Protein backbone atom coordinates (compact mmCIF):
# COMPACT_ATOMS: atom_id res chain seq x y z
CA MET A 1 -13.41 -4.56 -6.78
CA VAL A 2 -15.08 -2.70 -3.91
CA ALA A 3 -17.37 0.05 -5.14
CA ASP A 4 -16.99 3.61 -3.91
CA VAL A 5 -19.72 4.53 -1.45
CA ASP A 6 -20.47 7.65 0.57
CA LEU A 7 -18.95 6.70 3.93
CA SER A 8 -21.26 9.07 5.79
CA THR A 9 -24.30 7.02 4.77
CA LEU A 10 -23.04 3.74 6.20
CA ASP A 11 -24.16 2.20 9.49
CA TRP A 12 -20.87 2.21 11.44
CA ARG A 13 -20.50 -0.20 14.36
CA LYS A 14 -17.99 -0.52 17.15
CA SER A 15 -17.21 -3.85 18.77
CA SER A 16 -19.06 -4.67 21.97
CA TYR A 17 -15.62 -5.63 23.30
CA SER A 18 -14.43 -2.02 23.03
CA GLY A 19 -13.56 -0.72 26.45
CA GLY A 20 -14.14 2.93 25.64
CA GLY A 21 -10.45 3.60 25.09
CA ASN A 22 -8.80 5.13 22.05
CA ASP A 23 -7.88 1.86 20.37
CA CYS A 24 -11.13 1.04 18.59
CA VAL A 25 -12.02 0.50 14.99
CA GLU A 26 -15.44 0.75 13.44
CA VAL A 27 -16.82 -1.41 10.65
CA ALA A 28 -19.64 -0.91 8.19
CA PHE A 29 -20.96 -3.51 5.80
CA THR A 30 -21.64 -2.63 2.18
CA LEU A 31 -23.25 -4.57 -0.65
CA ASP A 32 -19.89 -5.91 -1.82
CA GLY A 33 -17.71 -5.92 1.29
CA THR A 34 -16.76 -4.10 4.45
CA ALA A 35 -15.30 -0.71 5.33
CA VAL A 36 -13.04 -0.29 8.37
CA ARG A 37 -12.03 3.02 9.97
CA ASP A 38 -10.36 4.46 13.05
CA SER A 39 -13.08 5.41 15.53
CA LYS A 40 -11.17 8.42 16.87
CA ASN A 41 -10.51 9.85 13.38
CA PRO A 42 -13.40 8.87 11.11
CA ALA A 43 -12.75 11.78 8.75
CA ALA A 44 -9.45 10.18 7.73
CA GLY A 45 -11.28 7.70 5.51
CA ALA A 46 -11.69 3.96 5.57
CA LEU A 47 -10.04 0.80 4.38
CA ARG A 48 -12.42 -0.95 2.00
CA LEU A 49 -12.29 -4.71 1.74
CA GLY A 50 -14.10 -7.10 -0.56
CA SER A 51 -15.97 -10.00 1.04
CA ALA A 52 -13.10 -12.46 0.53
CA GLN A 53 -10.58 -9.97 1.94
CA TRP A 54 -12.77 -9.35 5.01
CA ASP A 55 -13.10 -13.11 5.60
CA ALA A 56 -9.32 -13.50 5.32
CA LEU A 57 -8.71 -10.64 7.78
CA LEU A 58 -11.10 -12.16 10.32
CA ALA A 59 -9.53 -15.61 9.93
CA ALA A 60 -6.04 -14.17 10.48
CA ALA A 61 -7.19 -12.28 13.58
CA ARG A 62 -8.90 -15.35 15.03
CA THR A 63 -5.83 -17.54 14.64
CA GLY A 64 -3.50 -14.94 16.17
CA GLU A 65 -1.63 -14.39 12.91
CA LEU A 66 -1.86 -10.63 13.42
CA ASP A 67 -0.69 -10.56 17.04
CA LEU A 68 2.31 -8.26 17.44
CA ARG A 69 3.50 -9.65 20.77
């Protein structure tokens, strides 16, 4: 289970691959996982993932499993 944390205290990071457009996400690492949020609407909250879930998301993205094309 991912613990509740105050999202405003986290160190949010945007990918260096972000081109400055409106299609970016930000991530912040916590003691027990990762939080992901929409960079253009950070007040909307964040998706919180445990370490295993974060690893699975990254693996799926790297293999193209999440490509919508």
